[in-house]
Structure formats: C-alpha cells, structure tokens
Protein backbone atom coordinates (compact mmCIF):
# COMPACT_ATOMS: atom_id res chain seq x y z
CA MET A 1 -33.23 54.71 20.59
CA THR A 2 -30.06 56.63 21.41
CA ARG A 3 -27.64 57.72 18.79
CA THR A 4 -24.90 55.39 20.15
CA LYS A 5 -27.24 52.38 20.01
CA LYS A 6 -28.28 53.28 16.46
CA MET A 7 -24.62 53.58 15.38
CA THR A 8 -23.70 50.32 17.07
CA LEU A 9 -26.68 48.57 15.52
CA GLY A 10 -25.86 50.07 12.12
CA LEU A 11 -22.20 49.03 12.30
CA SER A 12 -23.16 45.53 13.45
CA ALA A 13 -25.58 45.16 10.56
CA ALA A 14 -22.94 46.40 8.10
CA ALA A 15 -20.38 43.95 9.48
CA LEU A 16 -22.90 41.11 9.26
CA ALA A 17 -23.82 42.04 5.68
CA LEU A 18 -20.16 42.26 4.70
CA GLY A 19 -19.45 38.88 6.29
CA ALA A 20 -22.44 37.30 4.55
CA GLY A 21 -21.37 38.84 1.25
CA ILE A 22 -17.87 37.47 1.57
CA GLY A 23 -19.24 34.06 2.53
CA VAL A 24 -21.59 33.99 -0.46
CA ALA A 25 -18.81 35.14 -2.78
CA GLY A 26 -16.53 32.45 -1.36
CA MET A 27 -19.18 29.79 -1.86
CA ALA A 28 -19.86 31.02 -5.37
CA SER A 29 -16.21 30.94 -6.32
CA ALA A 30 -15.83 27.52 -4.73
CA THR A 31 -18.64 26.13 -6.84
CA THR A 32 -17.61 27.73 -10.14
CA THR A 33 -13.83 27.49 -9.95
CA PRO A 34 -12.55 24.46 -11.85
CA ALA A 35 -10.63 21.87 -9.91
CA PRO A 36 -6.93 22.31 -10.40
CA ALA A 37 -5.36 19.83 -12.75
CA PRO A 38 -2.22 18.21 -11.43
CA SER A 39 1.13 19.61 -12.37
CA ALA A 40 4.44 17.91 -12.34
CA SER A 41 4.36 18.44 -8.60
CA ALA A 42 1.34 16.16 -8.38
CA SER A 43 3.69 13.31 -9.11
CA ALA A 44 5.12 13.87 -5.69
CA SER A 45 1.71 12.90 -4.31
CA ALA A 46 2.50 9.34 -5.36
CA ASP A 47 4.64 9.34 -2.21
CA GLY A 48 1.47 8.71 -0.27
CA SER A 49 0.64 12.27 0.65
CA THR A 50 -2.77 13.72 -0.05
CA GLY A 51 -1.54 16.84 -1.75
CA THR A 52 1.64 18.35 -3.04
CA GLY A 53 3.15 19.20 0.34
CA GLN A 54 6.49 17.58 1.10
CA ASP A 55 5.46 16.71 4.62
CA GLY A 56 2.67 14.37 3.54
CA MET A 57 0.00 16.87 4.45
CA GLY A 58 -2.65 17.65 1.91
CA ARG A 59 -3.57 21.03 0.49
CA HIS A 60 -6.03 21.45 3.34
CA GLY A 61 -3.70 20.23 6.08
CA GLY A 62 -5.10 16.78 6.53
CA ARG A 63 -4.37 13.22 5.59
CA GLY A 64 -6.88 11.22 3.68
CA GLY A 65 -7.56 8.12 1.64
CA HIS A 66 -6.12 9.55 -1.58
CA GLY A 67 -2.56 8.66 -0.54
CA MET A 68 -3.66 5.10 0.18
CA GLU A 69 -5.25 4.84 -3.26
CA GLN A 70 -1.97 5.94 -4.81
CA ALA A 71 0.02 3.50 -2.68
CA SER A 72 -2.37 0.78 -3.83
CA ALA A 73 -2.02 1.81 -7.49
CA LEU A 74 1.74 1.94 -7.19
CA ALA A 75 1.88 -1.48 -5.54
CA ALA A 76 -0.28 -2.93 -8.32
CA LYS A 77 1.92 -1.40 -11.06
CA LEU A 78 5.10 -2.65 -9.40
CA GLY A 79 3.72 -6.07 -8.46
CA VAL A 80 4.66 -5.52 -4.81
CA ASP A 81 2.70 -5.92 -1.58
CA GLU A 82 0.81 -2.72 -0.75
CA ALA A 83 2.02 -2.74 2.88
CA LYS A 84 5.65 -2.73 1.68
CA VAL A 85 4.93 0.22 -0.63
CA THR A 86 3.13 2.08 2.14
CA ASP A 87 6.04 1.52 4.52
CA ALA A 88 8.56 2.65 1.87
CA LEU A 89 6.51 5.75 1.17
CA LYS A 90 6.30 6.60 4.88
CA ALA A 91 10.06 6.13 5.20
CA PHE A 92 10.62 8.42 2.25
CA ARG A 93 8.37 11.12 3.71
CA GLU A 94 10.10 10.95 7.06
CA ALA A 95 13.55 11.12 5.49
CA ASN A 96 12.57 14.04 3.29
CA LYS A 97 10.48 16.05 5.70
CA PRO A 98 11.48 19.71 5.42
CA THR A 99 12.87 21.28 8.58
CA THR A 100 11.61 24.73 7.62
CA PRO A 101 8.86 25.94 5.31
CA PRO A 102 9.99 27.03 1.85
CA ALA A 103 10.87 30.68 1.43
CA GLU A 104 8.26 33.01 -0.04
CA GLY A 105 7.78 32.27 -3.74
CA GLN A 106 10.06 29.25 -3.62
CA LYS A 107 8.65 25.86 -4.58
CA PRO A 108 10.23 22.46 -4.22
CA ASP A 109 11.45 20.95 -7.48
CA PRO A 110 8.88 18.24 -8.36
CA ALA A 111 11.18 16.51 -10.85
CA ALA A 112 13.96 16.21 -8.26
CA ARG A 113 11.47 14.99 -5.66
CA GLU A 114 10.09 12.37 -8.04
CA ALA A 115 13.60 11.19 -8.91
CA ALA A 116 14.48 10.95 -5.21
CA LEU A 117 11.22 9.09 -4.56
CA ALA A 118 11.87 6.64 -7.38
CA LYS A 119 15.40 5.98 -6.13
CA SER A 120 14.23 5.53 -2.53
CA LEU A 121 11.39 3.19 -3.50
CA ALA A 122 13.67 1.17 -5.79
CA GLU A 123 16.15 0.67 -2.97
CA SER A 124 13.49 -0.09 -0.36
CA LEU A 125 11.56 -2.50 -2.54
CA GLY A 126 14.48 -4.05 -4.40
CA ILE A 127 13.05 -3.01 -7.80
CA ASP A 128 14.77 -1.41 -10.79
CA GLU A 129 14.61 2.40 -10.51
CA ALA A 130 13.47 2.73 -14.14
CA LYS A 131 10.46 0.53 -13.41
CA VAL A 132 9.52 2.68 -10.39
CA THR A 133 9.94 5.88 -12.42
CA ALA A 134 7.71 4.48 -15.19
CA ALA A 135 5.05 3.49 -12.65
CA LEU A 136 5.08 6.97 -11.07
CA GLN A 137 4.76 8.59 -14.48
CA GLU A 138 1.83 6.28 -15.42
CA ILE A 139 0.03 7.18 -12.19
CA ARG A 140 0.59 10.90 -12.82
CA SER A 141 -0.67 10.58 -16.40
CA GLU A 142 -3.79 8.71 -15.23
CA GLU A 143 -4.47 11.37 -12.59
CA GLN A 144 -4.08 14.15 -15.14
CA SER A 145 -6.57 12.40 -17.43
CA GLU A 146 -9.03 12.00 -14.58
CA HIS A 147 -8.70 15.66 -13.58
CA ALA A 148 -9.10 16.79 -17.19
CA ALA A 149 -12.30 14.74 -17.52
CA GLU A 150 -13.64 16.14 -14.22
CA LEU A 151 -12.85 19.67 -15.36
CA LYS A 152 -14.58 19.13 -18.68
CA THR A 153 -17.68 17.78 -16.93
CA ARG A 154 -17.79 20.79 -14.57
CA LEU A 155 -17.26 23.29 -17.37
CA ASP A 156 -19.87 21.60 -19.58
CA LYS A 157 -22.37 21.84 -16.69
CA ALA A 158 -21.50 25.50 -16.13
CA VAL A 159 -22.17 26.20 -19.83
CA THR A 160 -25.44 24.24 -19.72
CA ASP A 161 -26.49 26.08 -16.56
CA GLY A 162 -25.70 29.45 -18.18
CA LYS A 163 -22.93 30.27 -15.71
CA LEU A 164 -20.31 30.37 -18.46
CA THR A 165 -20.31 30.78 -22.21
CA GLN A 166 -18.66 28.08 -24.28
CA ALA A 167 -15.88 30.57 -25.13
CA GLU A 168 -15.24 31.15 -21.40
CA ALA A 169 -15.17 27.44 -20.72
CA ASP A 170 -12.72 26.93 -23.60
CA ALA A 171 -10.55 29.73 -22.20
CA VAL A 172 -10.48 28.09 -18.77
CA THR A 173 -9.56 24.74 -20.33
CA LYS A 174 -6.75 26.37 -22.34
CA ALA A 175 -5.46 28.24 -19.27
CA VAL A 176 -5.33 25.01 -17.23
CA GLN A 177 -3.64 23.08 -20.04
CA ASN A 178 -0.98 25.78 -20.36
CA GLY A 179 -0.39 26.03 -16.63
CA VAL A 180 -1.70 29.57 -16.34
CA ILE A 181 -4.20 28.49 -13.67
CA GLY A 182 -4.55 25.31 -11.68
CA GLY A 183 -0.99 24.16 -12.30
CA GLY A 184 -2.06 21.81 -15.11
CA GLY A 185 0.59 22.67 -17.67
CA ARG A 186 4.19 21.68 -17.96
C-alpha cells in the first residue's frame, strides 16, 4: 500500500473514530442528563406552544401535542370550549410573533409574556383576567410538579444503576431547584 493511501486510510479511520466517540458521548449525556424543570418561562408554553419559544415553536423546532394538552387543560380550568381557547392562543401567538430573533444573551421576559397572554385570553374569551392568570399559574405549578417527579425518578434510577451516587443526585436536584441548571428555579 502506498504511503498516501495509508495516510488517507489512517485519517479516515481517525475521523470515523472521533465521530463515533462524539456520538457515543452525546448519547450518554442525553441519557444521563436530567430533564430540565420548567422555569417561569415555561408558563409561556401555556400559550399553546410546545416549548418556550415565542413563535410557538418547541425547543426542537417542531410543533407537537403538548400545546394541545395545555390548551385543553386551560379550557377545563376556565370552563370554556377548547376550540375557543385554541383559537385565542393562536391569535395571541400571531400577534406576538417576534420579527427578529432575540439578541445574544437576551431572553424574553416570561412574567411580561404571561401577563400579556392572560390579558389577551381574558379579552378574547370574555373572562376575568385574574381568573385566567390563576389558571395559567395552576398549570405551571402542575407542570413543575410533574417535571420534579420525573427528575426524581430518573435520578433514583441512575443511583440504583450505579451511574450516580446519592450525593451527586442530590446535588443535581438542588441545582435544578435553584435554577443553576435546567431553568427550574425562580
């Protein structure tokens, strides 16, 4: 085999090994990283979006059933037809769609967005704004409880499987609760 072929083969093998290593590391971190707990910005997801993006797009760029579940929950809490809530949420998203992406390091204010959402829904649905605000806060609180339970289950399993010590799992829980990671704190 010529020297050039050997070098090409060696570089190709190194690139393949590096790619495989990165892929394995990515998969490992995806399976051991706790799910982020919702932050105050998660309340904005009650607007029917699947994530915290203002444009209704989820964290992964797609739309899914999660927004519909939230519209359904909001409709139930408000005692309003789900189709009306869905339409009001869509109208809010369209009216508040950003024209440009936020500047580097700049995040939308979730409290301001929730207040605007509550006001818009109250007007669209003919419901007292305080009632809408309370329903949005209840939904956010329920979601935070669900995420906390899911995180605890995943961390308990990681401890049982020997992937984490109990002290490490406790540290992750504390970091999430305090908003250090995962955006779970306030």
